[in-house]
Amino acid sequence: MNPRKCDFDDDQGLGSLDNLPVIPAEEFADWGTSESPSAPHTVSGPPPSPTSLQSEQEYKFLKAVVDQPMQPSSAYRKLAGIKAELVRPIRQRLLQCGHIRTHVMNIGQRSRTALLLEALPTGKTAVSHYEENRRSKP
């Protein structure tokens, strides 16, 4: 018969961990310095401007949505001329930035749905900023 082992027995062997070296992480240096507890955060420079687009593919996709709104998401891949595997991450980033809005529409008799995309004012602004920046570069 095996005697039951409890967590207390395991904790007795943890004393050796106290002898290990500790290297403090910079991102947690301010923990415990204020009266209220704070959540972890990382500092990686200023956040991107909501009007900035990260790539030519994002611009092409968003420009297609601005020019031809309320099309199924799959149609914009062809209109923008980008690879199919790039569509989902681009669409998700544009949604997070508030550049586009999705509408779900039932199609067919099998309860299939299509995502229709609509450009929001911030998306239209992002497209014009991108075009202005492209024109101003030599």
C-alpha atoms as a PDB file:
ATOM      1  CA  MET A   1       0.000   0.000   0.000  1.00  0.00           C
ATOM      2  CA  ASN A   2       1.346   3.405  -0.976  1.00  0.00           C
ATOM      3  CA  PRO A   3       0.909   6.119   1.613  1.00  0.00           C
ATOM      4  CA  ARG A   4      -0.724   9.261   0.252  1.00  0.00           C
ATOM      5  CA  LYS A   5       1.619  12.113  -0.364  1.00  0.00           C
ATOM      6  CA  CYS A   6       0.485  15.693   0.228  1.00  0.00           C
ATOM      7  CA  ASP A   7       1.686  19.025  -1.106  1.00  0.00           C
ATOM      8  CA  PHE A   8       3.342  19.795   2.236  1.00  0.00           C
ATOM      9  CA  ASP A   9       5.784  16.925   1.666  1.00  0.00           C
ATOM     10  CA  ASP A  10       6.714  18.352  -1.734  1.00  0.00           C
ATOM     11  CA  ASP A  11       7.165  21.858  -0.314  1.00  0.00           C
ATOM     12  CA  GLN A  12       9.820  20.643   2.121  1.00  0.00           C
ATOM     13  CA  GLY A  13      12.233  20.119  -0.777  1.00  0.00           C
ATOM     14  CA  LEU A  14      11.780  23.683  -2.101  1.00  0.00           C
ATOM     15  CA  GLY A  15      14.330  25.134   0.326  1.00  0.00           C
ATOM     16  CA  SER A  16      17.091  24.521  -2.204  1.00  0.00           C
ATOM     17  CA  LEU A  17      15.430  27.046  -4.560  1.00  0.00           C
ATOM     18  CA  ASP A  18      16.354  29.849  -2.141  1.00  0.00           C
ATOM     19  CA  ASN A  19      20.024  29.353  -3.044  1.00  0.00           C
ATOM     20  CA  LEU A  20      19.529  29.964  -6.782  1.00  0.00           C
ATOM     21  CA  PRO A  21      20.587  33.333  -8.265  1.00  0.00           C
ATOM     22  CA  VAL A  22      17.803  35.804  -9.083  1.00  0.00           C
ATOM     23  CA  ILE A  23      17.910  38.064 -12.123  1.00  0.00           C
ATOM     24  CA  PRO A  24      15.229  40.768 -11.889  1.00  0.00           C
ATOM     25  CA  ALA A  25      13.263  41.444 -15.072  1.00  0.00           C
ATOM     26  CA  GLU A  26      13.094  45.099 -16.145  1.00  0.00           C
ATOM     27  CA  GLU A  27       9.406  44.971 -17.051  1.00  0.00           C
ATOM     28  CA  PHE A  28       8.514  44.067 -13.455  1.00  0.00           C
ATOM     29  CA  ALA A  29      10.798  46.621 -11.762  1.00  0.00           C
ATOM     30  CA  ASP A  30       7.928  48.954 -10.794  1.00  0.00           C
ATOM     31  CA  TRP A  31       5.739  46.260  -9.230  1.00  0.00           C
ATOM     32  CA  GLY A  32       4.948  46.954  -5.627  1.00  0.00           C
ATOM     33  CA  THR A  33       6.211  50.552  -5.759  1.00  0.00           C
ATOM     34  CA  SER A  34       2.743  52.106  -5.695  1.00  0.00           C
ATOM     35  CA  GLU A  35      -0.008  51.752  -3.133  1.00  0.00           C
ATOM     36  CA  SER A  36      -2.304  49.983  -5.568  1.00  0.00           C
ATOM     37  CA  PRO A  37      -1.258  46.776  -7.322  1.00  0.00           C
ATOM     38  CA  SER A  38      -0.562  47.149 -11.011  1.00  0.00           C
ATOM     39  CA  ALA A  39      -0.812  44.709 -13.868  1.00  0.00           C
ATOM     40  CA  PRO A  40       2.270  43.682 -15.836  1.00  0.00           C
ATOM     41  CA  HIS A  41       3.099  45.746 -18.882  1.00  0.00           C
ATOM     42  CA  THR A  42       5.852  45.916 -21.395  1.00  0.00           C
ATOM     43  CA  VAL A  43       7.331  49.017 -22.905  1.00  0.00           C
ATOM     44  CA  SER A  44       8.035  48.760 -26.599  1.00  0.00           C
ATOM     45  CA  GLY A  45       7.986  52.338 -27.771  1.00  0.00           C
ATOM     46  CA  PRO A  46       5.029  54.459 -28.797  1.00  0.00           C
ATOM     47  CA  PRO A  47       1.971  52.627 -30.124  1.00  0.00           C
ATOM     48  CA  PRO A  48       1.379  52.865 -33.856  1.00  0.00           C
ATOM     49  CA  SER A  49      -0.891  55.658 -34.981  1.00  0.00           C
ATOM     50  CA  PRO A  50      -4.421  54.423 -35.647  1.00  0.00           C
ATOM     51  CA  THR A  51      -4.151  55.971 -39.087  1.00  0.00           C
ATOM     52  CA  SER A  52      -0.930  54.131 -39.940  1.00  0.00           C
ATOM     53  CA  LEU A  53      -0.952  50.999 -42.043  1.00  0.00           C
ATOM     54  CA  GLN A  54       1.824  48.470 -41.502  1.00  0.00           C
ATOM     55  CA  SER A  55       2.233  47.163 -45.032  1.00  0.00           C
ATOM     56  CA  GLU A  56       1.395  47.605 -48.677  1.00  0.00           C
ATOM     57  CA  GLN A  57      -0.920  44.584 -48.398  1.00  0.00           C
ATOM     58  CA  GLU A  58      -2.914  46.260 -45.602  1.00  0.00           C
ATOM     59  CA  TYR A  59      -3.220  49.372 -47.734  1.00  0.00           C
ATOM     60  CA  LYS A  60      -4.398  47.391 -50.779  1.00  0.00           C
ATOM     61  CA  PHE A  61      -6.941  45.437 -48.735  1.00  0.00           C
ATOM     62  CA  LEU A  62      -8.307  48.527 -46.970  1.00  0.00           C
ATOM     63  CA  LYS A  63      -8.366  50.514 -50.226  1.00  0.00           C
ATOM     64  CA  ALA A  64     -10.459  47.735 -51.811  1.00  0.00           C
ATOM     65  CA  VAL A  65     -12.909  47.892 -48.876  1.00  0.00           C
ATOM     66  CA  VAL A  66     -13.110  51.694 -49.132  1.00  0.00           C
ATOM     67  CA  ASP A  67     -13.677  51.585 -52.897  1.00  0.00           C
ATOM     68  CA  GLN A  68     -16.156  48.685 -52.887  1.00  0.00           C
ATOM     69  CA  PRO A  69     -17.890  48.372 -49.486  1.00  0.00           C
ATOM     70  CA  MET A  70     -20.215  45.588 -48.352  1.00  0.00           C
ATOM     71  CA  GLN A  71     -18.591  42.837 -50.399  1.00  0.00           C
ATOM     72  CA  PRO A  72     -17.854  39.376 -48.944  1.00  0.00           C
ATOM     73  CA  SER A  73     -14.454  39.230 -47.273  1.00  0.00           C
ATOM     74  CA  SER A  74     -13.288  36.629 -49.781  1.00  0.00           C
ATOM     75  CA  ALA A  75     -13.843  39.076 -52.657  1.00  0.00           C
ATOM     76  CA  TYR A  76     -11.311  41.557 -51.275  1.00  0.00           C
ATOM     77  CA  ARG A  77      -8.464  39.088 -51.639  1.00  0.00           C
ATOM     78  CA  LYS A  78      -8.936  39.147 -55.388  1.00  0.00           C
ATOM     79  CA  LEU A  79      -9.635  42.875 -55.537  1.00  0.00           C
ATOM     80  CA  ALA A  80      -6.490  43.682 -53.535  1.00  0.00           C
ATOM     81  CA  GLY A  81      -4.369  41.036 -55.245  1.00  0.00           C
ATOM     82  CA  ILE A  82      -2.966  39.580 -52.021  1.00  0.00           C
ATOM     83  CA  LYS A  83      -2.298  36.008 -50.889  1.00  0.00           C
ATOM     84  CA  ALA A  84      -5.151  34.124 -49.227  1.00  0.00           C
ATOM     85  CA  GLU A  85      -3.132  33.364 -46.073  1.00  0.00           C
ATOM     86  CA  LEU A  86      -2.626  37.104 -45.462  1.00  0.00           C
ATOM     87  CA  VAL A  87      -6.322  38.002 -45.541  1.00  0.00           C
ATOM     88  CA  ARG A  88      -7.275  36.854 -42.023  1.00  0.00           C
ATOM     89  CA  PRO A  89      -4.423  38.588 -40.122  1.00  0.00           C
ATOM     90  CA  ILE A  90      -4.897  41.765 -42.151  1.00  0.00           C
ATOM     91  CA  ARG A  91      -8.663  41.759 -41.601  1.00  0.00           C
ATOM     92  CA  GLN A  92      -8.200  41.165 -37.850  1.00  0.00           C
ATOM     93  CA  ARG A  93      -5.702  44.004 -37.509  1.00  0.00           C
ATOM     94  CA  LEU A  94      -7.928  46.401 -39.442  1.00  0.00           C
ATOM     95  CA  LEU A  95     -10.844  45.437 -37.182  1.00  0.00           C
ATOM     96  CA  GLN A  96      -8.744  46.008 -34.046  1.00  0.00           C
ATOM     97  CA  CYS A  97      -7.606  49.411 -35.299  1.00  0.00           C
ATOM     98  CA  GLY A  98     -11.203  50.407 -36.007  1.00  0.00           C
ATOM     99  CA  HIS A  99     -10.687  50.809 -39.750  1.00  0.00           C
ATOM    100  CA  ILE A 100     -13.405  48.353 -40.815  1.00  0.00           C
ATOM    101  CA  ARG A 101     -16.610  46.818 -39.508  1.00  0.00           C
ATOM    102  CA  THR A 102     -17.979  43.371 -40.338  1.00  0.00           C
ATOM    103  CA  HIS A 103     -21.568  42.418 -41.011  1.00  0.00           C
ATOM    104  CA  VAL A 104     -22.687  38.786 -41.031  1.00  0.00           C
ATOM    105  CA  MET A 105     -25.147  37.828 -43.738  1.00  0.00           C
ATOM    106  CA  ASN A 106     -26.843  34.463 -44.193  1.00  0.00           C
ATOM    107  CA  ILE A 107     -26.441  33.074 -47.687  1.00  0.00           C
ATOM    108  CA  GLY A 108     -27.861  29.965 -49.254  1.00  0.00           C
ATOM    109  CA  GLN A 109     -30.144  27.387 -47.701  1.00  0.00           C
ATOM    110  CA  ARG A 110     -27.543  25.624 -45.560  1.00  0.00           C
ATOM    111  CA  SER A 111     -27.187  28.414 -42.991  1.00  0.00           C
ATOM    112  CA  ARG A 112     -23.912  29.529 -44.518  1.00  0.00           C
ATOM    113  CA  THR A 113     -22.774  33.016 -43.643  1.00  0.00           C
ATOM    114  CA  ALA A 114     -20.619  35.618 -45.344  1.00  0.00           C
ATOM    115  CA  LEU A 115     -18.650  38.414 -43.720  1.00  0.00           C
ATOM    116  CA  LEU A 116     -19.407  41.697 -45.440  1.00  0.00           C
ATOM    117  CA  LEU A 117     -16.856  44.443 -44.807  1.00  0.00           C
ATOM    118  CA  GLU A 118     -17.498  48.143 -44.447  1.00  0.00           C
ATOM    119  CA  ALA A 119     -14.854  50.860 -44.177  1.00  0.00           C
ATOM    120  CA  LEU A 120     -15.211  53.221 -41.224  1.00  0.00           C
ATOM    121  CA  PRO A 121     -14.118  56.880 -41.245  1.00  0.00           C
ATOM    122  CA  THR A 122     -10.786  56.002 -39.586  1.00  0.00           C
ATOM    123  CA  GLY A 123     -10.146  53.495 -42.366  1.00  0.00           C
ATOM    124  CA  LYS A 124     -10.807  56.093 -45.038  1.00  0.00           C
ATOM    125  CA  THR A 125      -8.460  58.476 -43.211  1.00  0.00           C
ATOM    126  CA  ALA A 126      -5.779  55.780 -42.994  1.00  0.00           C
ATOM    127  CA  VAL A 127      -5.976  55.198 -46.754  1.00  0.00           C
ATOM    128  CA  SER A 128      -5.616  58.921 -47.528  1.00  0.00           C
ATOM    129  CA  HIS A 129      -2.705  59.289 -45.068  1.00  0.00           C
ATOM    130  CA  TYR A 130      -0.964  56.318 -46.652  1.00  0.00           C
ATOM    131  CA  GLU A 131      -1.433  57.773 -50.130  1.00  0.00           C
ATOM    132  CA  GLU A 132      -0.189  61.219 -48.998  1.00  0.00           C
ATOM    133  CA  ASN A 133       2.910  59.683 -47.395  1.00  0.00           C
ATOM    134  CA  ARG A 134       3.605  57.649 -50.513  1.00  0.00           C
ATOM    135  CA  ARG A 135       3.336  60.754 -52.705  1.00  0.00           C
ATOM    136  CA  SER A 136       5.620  62.811 -50.460  1.00  0.00           C
ATOM    137  CA  LYS A 137       8.439  60.231 -50.555  1.00  0.00           C
ATOM    138  CA  PRO A 138      10.912  60.710 -53.428  1.00  0.00           C
END
